[in-house]
C-alpha atoms as a PDB file:
ATOM      1  CA  ILE A   1      31.003   9.495 -17.200  1.00  0.00           C
ATOM      2  CA  ILE A   2      27.530   9.597 -18.757  1.00  0.00           C
ATOM      3  CA  VAL A   3      25.091   8.349 -16.103  1.00  0.00           C
ATOM      4  CA  CYS A   4      26.022  10.536 -13.126  1.00  0.00           C
ATOM      5  CA  PRO A   5      26.002  13.884 -14.994  1.00  0.00           C
ATOM      6  CA  THR A   6      22.691  12.907 -16.599  1.00  0.00           C
ATOM      7  CA  ILE A   7      21.155  12.197 -13.200  1.00  0.00           C
ATOM      8  CA  ALA A   8      22.528  15.490 -11.859  1.00  0.00           C
ATOM      9  CA  ALA A   9      21.111  17.361 -14.873  1.00  0.00           C
ATOM     10  CA  GLY A  10      17.721  15.663 -14.376  1.00  0.00           C
ATOM     11  CA  LEU A  11      17.742  16.657 -10.714  1.00  0.00           C
ATOM     12  CA  ALA A  12      18.617  20.252 -11.604  1.00  0.00           C
ATOM     13  CA  PHE A  13      15.866  20.233 -14.248  1.00  0.00           C
ATOM     14  CA  SER A  14      13.321  19.243 -11.607  1.00  0.00           C
ATOM     15  CA  TYR A  15      13.849  22.604  -9.887  1.00  0.00           C
ATOM     16  CA  CYS A  16      12.939  24.613 -13.007  1.00  0.00           C
ATOM     17  CA  TYR A  17       9.251  25.259 -12.421  1.00  0.00           C
ATOM     18  CA  LYS A  18       8.776  26.891 -15.824  1.00  0.00           C
ATOM     19  CA  LEU A  19       9.721  23.618 -17.524  1.00  0.00           C
ATOM     20  CA  ARG A  20       7.452  21.357 -15.441  1.00  0.00           C
ATOM     21  CA  ARG A  21       5.453  20.255 -18.481  1.00  0.00           C
ATOM     22  CA  PHE A  22       8.565  18.530 -19.863  1.00  0.00           C
ATOM     23  CA  MET A  23       9.288  16.665 -16.635  1.00  0.00           C
ATOM     24  CA  GLN A  24       7.927  13.272 -17.699  1.00  0.00           C
ATOM     25  CA  PRO A  25      10.011  12.984 -20.900  1.00  0.00           C
ATOM     26  CA  VAL A  26      13.085  14.183 -19.003  1.00  0.00           C
ATOM     27  CA  LEU A  27      12.495  11.585 -16.278  1.00  0.00           C
ATOM     28  CA  TRP A  28      12.071   8.962 -18.990  1.00  0.00           C
ATOM     29  CA  LEU A  29      15.375   9.960 -20.575  1.00  0.00           C
ATOM     30  CA  VAL A  30      17.259  10.048 -17.249  1.00  0.00           C
ATOM     31  CA  MET A  31      15.909   6.638 -16.265  1.00  0.00           C
ATOM     32  CA  LEU A  32      16.758   5.239 -19.709  1.00  0.00           C
ATOM     33  CA  ILE A  33      20.348   6.466 -19.533  1.00  0.00           C
ATOM     34  CA  GLY A  34      20.648   5.044 -16.009  1.00  0.00           C
ATOM     35  CA  SER A  35      19.332   1.647 -17.024  1.00  0.00           C
ATOM     36  CA  LEU A  36      21.426   1.589 -20.197  1.00  0.00           C
ATOM     37  CA  GLY A  37      24.412   2.296 -17.945  1.00  0.00           C
ATOM     38  CA  ILE A  38      23.639  -0.902 -16.040  1.00  0.00           C
ATOM     39  CA  VAL A  39      23.173  -2.799 -19.304  1.00  0.00           C
ATOM     40  CA  GLY A  40      26.507  -1.360 -20.437  1.00  0.00           C
ATOM     41  CA  MET A  41      28.120  -2.769 -17.300  1.00  0.00           C
ATOM     42  CA  VAL A  42      26.755  -6.190 -18.280  1.00  0.00           C
ATOM     43  CA  HIS A  43      28.387  -5.795 -21.676  1.00  0.00           C
ATOM     44  CA  PHE A  44      31.749  -4.357 -20.654  1.00  0.00           C
ATOM     45  CA  ASP A  45      32.418  -6.209 -17.393  1.00  0.00           C
ATOM     46  CA  PRO A  46      34.760  -9.153 -18.071  1.00  0.00           C
ATOM     47  CA  MET A  47      33.945 -10.851 -14.764  1.00  0.00           C
ATOM     48  CA  PRO A  48      31.764 -13.977 -14.799  1.00  0.00           C
ATOM     49  CA  ALA A  49      29.447 -12.482 -12.144  1.00  0.00           C
ATOM     50  CA  LYS A  50      28.232  -9.853 -14.601  1.00  0.00           C
ATOM     51  CA  ASN A  51      24.897 -11.632 -14.943  1.00  0.00           C
ATOM     52  CA  TYR A  52      23.982 -10.334 -11.502  1.00  0.00           C
ATOM     53  CA  TYR A  53      23.769  -6.746 -12.724  1.00  0.00           C
ATOM     54  CA  TYR A  54      20.168  -7.441 -13.586  1.00  0.00           C
ATOM     55  CA  SER A  55      19.314  -6.924  -9.895  1.00  0.00           C
ATOM     56  CA  GLY A  56      20.283  -3.273 -10.405  1.00  0.00           C
ATOM     57  CA  ILE A  57      17.828  -3.144 -13.282  1.00  0.00           C
ATOM     58  CA  LEU A  58      15.153  -4.636 -11.002  1.00  0.00           C
ATOM     59  CA  LEU A  59      15.781  -1.999  -8.343  1.00  0.00           C
ATOM     60  CA  LEU A  60      15.743   0.762 -10.931  1.00  0.00           C
ATOM     61  CA  ILE A  61      12.450  -0.482 -12.375  1.00  0.00           C
ATOM     62  CA  MET A  62      10.758  -0.671  -8.966  1.00  0.00           C
ATOM     63  CA  GLY A  63      12.149   2.732  -8.014  1.00  0.00           C
ATOM     64  CA  ALA A  64      10.936   4.311 -11.229  1.00  0.00           C
ATOM     65  CA  PHE A  65       7.474   2.794 -10.972  1.00  0.00           C
ATOM     66  CA  THR A  66       6.931   3.598  -7.300  1.00  0.00           C
ATOM     67  CA  PHE A  67       9.105   6.479  -6.089  1.00  0.00           C
ATOM     68  CA  VAL A  68       9.968   8.642  -9.090  1.00  0.00           C
ATOM     69  CA  SER A  69       6.341   9.407  -9.997  1.00  0.00           C
ATOM     70  CA  ILE A  70       6.861   8.765 -13.657  1.00  0.00           C
ATOM     71  CA  ARG A  71       3.591   8.284 -15.549  1.00  0.00           C
ATOM     72  CA  LEU A  72       2.548   4.748 -16.414  1.00  0.00           C
ATOM     73  CA  TYR A  73       2.961   5.162 -20.187  1.00  0.00           C
ATOM     74  CA  TYR A  74       6.488   6.524 -19.811  1.00  0.00           C
ATOM     75  CA  ALA A  75       7.410   3.946 -17.180  1.00  0.00           C
ATOM     76  CA  ILE A  76       6.256   0.981 -19.253  1.00  0.00           C
ATOM     77  CA  SER A  77       7.911   2.232 -22.446  1.00  0.00           C
ATOM     78  CA  TRP A  78      11.151   2.875 -20.548  1.00  0.00           C
ATOM     79  CA  ALA A  79      11.089  -0.520 -18.825  1.00  0.00           C
ATOM     80  CA  LEU A  80      10.405  -2.401 -22.061  1.00  0.00           C
ATOM     81  CA  THR A  81      13.209  -0.495 -23.801  1.00  0.00           C
ATOM     82  CA  THR A  82      15.535  -1.455 -20.956  1.00  0.00           C
ATOM     83  CA  LEU A  83      14.412  -5.079 -21.167  1.00  0.00           C
ATOM     84  CA  LEU A  84      15.034  -5.101 -24.917  1.00  0.00           C
ATOM     85  CA  ALA A  85      18.520  -3.617 -24.459  1.00  0.00           C
ATOM     86  CA  TYR A  86      19.296  -6.185 -21.748  1.00  0.00           C
ATOM     87  CA  GLU A  87      18.114  -9.029 -23.976  1.00  0.00           C
ATOM     88  CA  ILE A  88      20.228  -7.824 -26.899  1.00  0.00           C
ATOM     89  CA  VAL A  89      23.328  -7.546 -24.728  1.00  0.00           C
ATOM     90  CA  ALA A  90      22.742 -10.840 -22.899  1.00  0.00           C
ATOM     91  CA  ASN A  91      21.937 -12.846 -26.022  1.00  0.00           C
ATOM     92  CA  PHE A  92      24.137 -11.388 -28.734  1.00  0.00           C
ATOM     93  CA  THR A  93      27.131  -9.558 -27.315  1.00  0.00           C
ATOM     94  CA  THR A  94      28.055 -11.622 -24.253  1.00  0.00           C
ATOM     95  CA  ILE A  95      28.301 -15.297 -23.555  1.00  0.00           C
ATOM     96  CA  THR A  96      25.534 -15.953 -21.064  1.00  0.00           C
ATOM     97  CA  GLU A  97      23.956 -19.244 -20.109  1.00  0.00           C
ATOM     98  CA  VAL A  98      20.428 -19.712 -21.376  1.00  0.00           C
ATOM     99  CA  ASP A  99      19.160 -20.556 -17.883  1.00  0.00           C
ATOM    100  CA  ASN A 100      20.462 -17.233 -16.544  1.00  0.00           C
ATOM    101  CA  ILE A 101      18.909 -15.303 -19.427  1.00  0.00           C
ATOM    102  CA  ILE A 102      15.517 -16.970 -18.884  1.00  0.00           C
ATOM    103  CA  GLN A 103      15.628 -16.397 -15.119  1.00  0.00           C
ATOM    104  CA  ASN A 104      16.733 -12.766 -15.475  1.00  0.00           C
ATOM    105  CA  THR A 105      14.128 -12.053 -18.162  1.00  0.00           C
ATOM    106  CA  PHE A 106      11.373 -13.582 -16.049  1.00  0.00           C
ATOM    107  CA  SER A 107      12.461 -11.515 -13.055  1.00  0.00           C
ATOM    108  CA  ILE A 108      12.539  -8.299 -15.062  1.00  0.00           C
ATOM    109  CA  VAL A 109       9.136  -8.956 -16.662  1.00  0.00           C
ATOM    110  CA  ALA A 110       7.612  -9.822 -13.267  1.00  0.00           C
ATOM    111  CA  THR A 111       9.076  -6.633 -11.794  1.00  0.00           C
ATOM    112  CA  ILE A 112       7.622  -4.591 -14.671  1.00  0.00           C
ATOM    113  CA  ILE A 113       4.181  -6.135 -14.089  1.00  0.00           C
ATOM    114  CA  ILE A 114       4.254  -5.580 -10.318  1.00  0.00           C
ATOM    115  CA  GLY A 115       5.643  -2.068 -10.780  1.00  0.00           C
ATOM    116  CA  SER A 116       2.905  -1.280 -13.308  1.00  0.00           C
ATOM    117  CA  PHE A 117       0.223  -2.230 -10.813  1.00  0.00           C
ATOM    118  CA  SER A 118       1.791  -0.137  -8.058  1.00  0.00           C
ATOM    119  CA  ASN A 119       2.229   2.804 -10.443  1.00  0.00           C
ATOM    120  CA  CYS A 120      -1.383   2.525 -11.586  1.00  0.00           C
ATOM    121  CA  LEU A 121      -2.603   2.516  -7.981  1.00  0.00           C
ATOM    122  CA  MET A 122      -0.457   5.506  -7.085  1.00  0.00           C
ATOM    123  CA  GLU A 123      -1.690   7.485 -10.097  1.00  0.00           C
ATOM    124  CA  ASN A 124      -5.261   6.611  -9.155  1.00  0.00           C
ATOM    125  CA  TYR A 125      -4.724   7.856  -5.589  1.00  0.00           C
ATOM    126  CA  LEU A 126      -3.034  11.044  -6.795  1.00  0.00           C
ATOM    127  CA  ARG A 127      -5.871  11.799  -9.207  1.00  0.00           C
ATOM    128  CA  ARG A 128      -8.478  11.080  -6.542  1.00  0.00           C
ATOM    129  CA  ASP A 129      -6.697  13.390  -4.091  1.00  0.00           C
ATOM    130  CA  PHE A 130      -6.508  16.110  -6.733  1.00  0.00           C
ATOM    131  CA  LEU A 131     -10.229  15.838  -7.486  1.00  0.00           C
ATOM    132  CA  ASN A 132     -11.069  15.805  -3.770  1.00  0.00           C
ATOM    133  CA  SER A 133      -9.036  18.966  -3.226  1.00  0.00           C
ATOM    134  CA  ILE A 134     -10.889  20.701  -6.082  1.00  0.00           C
ATOM    135  CA  LEU A 135     -14.258  19.579  -4.672  1.00  0.00           C
ATOM    136  CA  LEU A 136     -13.267  20.751  -1.199  1.00  0.00           C
ATOM    137  CA  GLU A 137     -12.204  24.136  -2.560  1.00  0.00           C
ATOM    138  CA  ASN A 138     -15.515  24.441  -4.421  1.00  0.00           C
ATOM    139  CA  GLU A 139     -17.479  23.578  -1.272  1.00  0.00           C
ATOM    140  CA  ASN A 140     -15.484  26.140   0.716  1.00  0.00           C
ATOM    141  CA  GLN A 141     -16.320  28.841  -1.840  1.00  0.00           C
ATOM    142  CA  GLN A 142     -20.020  27.927  -1.685  1.00  0.00           C
ATOM    143  CA  LEU A 143     -19.914  27.993   2.112  1.00  0.00           C
ATOM    144  CA  LYS A 144     -18.250  31.412   2.052  1.00  0.00           C
ATOM    145  CA  LYS A 145     -20.926  32.758  -0.320  1.00  0.00           C
ATOM    146  CA  ALA A 146     -23.696  31.331   1.867  1.00  0.00           C
ATOM    147  CA  SER A 147     -22.094  32.861   4.967  1.00  0.00           C
ATOM    148  CA  GLU A 148     -21.880  36.278   3.272  1.00  0.00           C
ATOM    149  CA  GLU A 149     -25.542  35.995   2.204  1.00  0.00           C
ATOM    150  CA  LEU A 150     -26.591  35.102   5.759  1.00  0.00           C
ATOM    151  CA  LEU A 151     -24.640  38.066   7.104  1.00  0.00           C
ATOM    152  CA  ARG A 152     -26.328  40.365   4.573  1.00  0.00           C
ATOM    153  CA  LEU A 153     -29.758  39.009   5.480  1.00  0.00           C
ATOM    154  CA  SER A 154     -29.108  39.361   9.197  1.00  0.00           C
ATOM    155  CA  ILE A 155     -28.215  43.058   9.046  1.00  0.00           C
ATOM    156  CA  SER A 156     -31.043  44.208   6.765  1.00  0.00           C
ATOM    157  CA  ASP A 157     -34.810  43.988   6.874  1.00  0.00           C
ATOM    158  CA  ALA A 158     -36.171  41.644   4.214  1.00  0.00           C
ATOM    159  CA  LEU A 159     -39.285  43.702   3.563  1.00  0.00           C
ATOM    160  CA  THR A 160     -37.824  47.198   3.383  1.00  0.00           C
ATOM    161  CA  THR A 161     -34.154  46.268   2.679  1.00  0.00           C
ATOM    162  CA  LEU A 162     -33.175  48.866   5.284  1.00  0.00           C
ATOM    163  CA  GLY A 163     -30.648  48.183   7.987  1.00  0.00           C
ATOM    164  CA  ASN A 164     -32.168  46.733  11.149  1.00  0.00           C
ATOM    165  CA  ARG A 165     -31.148  47.342  14.755  1.00  0.00           C
ATOM    166  CA  ARG A 166     -28.373  44.759  14.666  1.00  0.00           C
END
């Protein structure tokens, strides 16, 4: 009831180009509501297999760090908030074996670390591509100016600045 409309609203928000500067906080909020939905399933599911919902959290963390293009600061703060919520639910509101909690926590922390490295690399590549495109545009403008200057020099005499036979 909460997660799916939030994801739909986040997707609709991504098409509003005037609000692009707010995209990272909105992505953070959408991802947080999605992950808290999974944590809520851990809390409310009466089945004994509910400890396996953490794999959904792992997939969500890797997806957010690699495919969603959320900035590293937002991604880490979101993932740590999700981990904290999972720990609170697993330790205090449900009866979960300590071995499962330790294994799940280790898996989530390892996924956050690996996702952070991949996110950092992707941001580095995106920034490098952006700078290269700016440098290429600058070089193209300089080349265009040089070409215009050569054309001007080729059609006029340098000494008299009158048009030549060409």
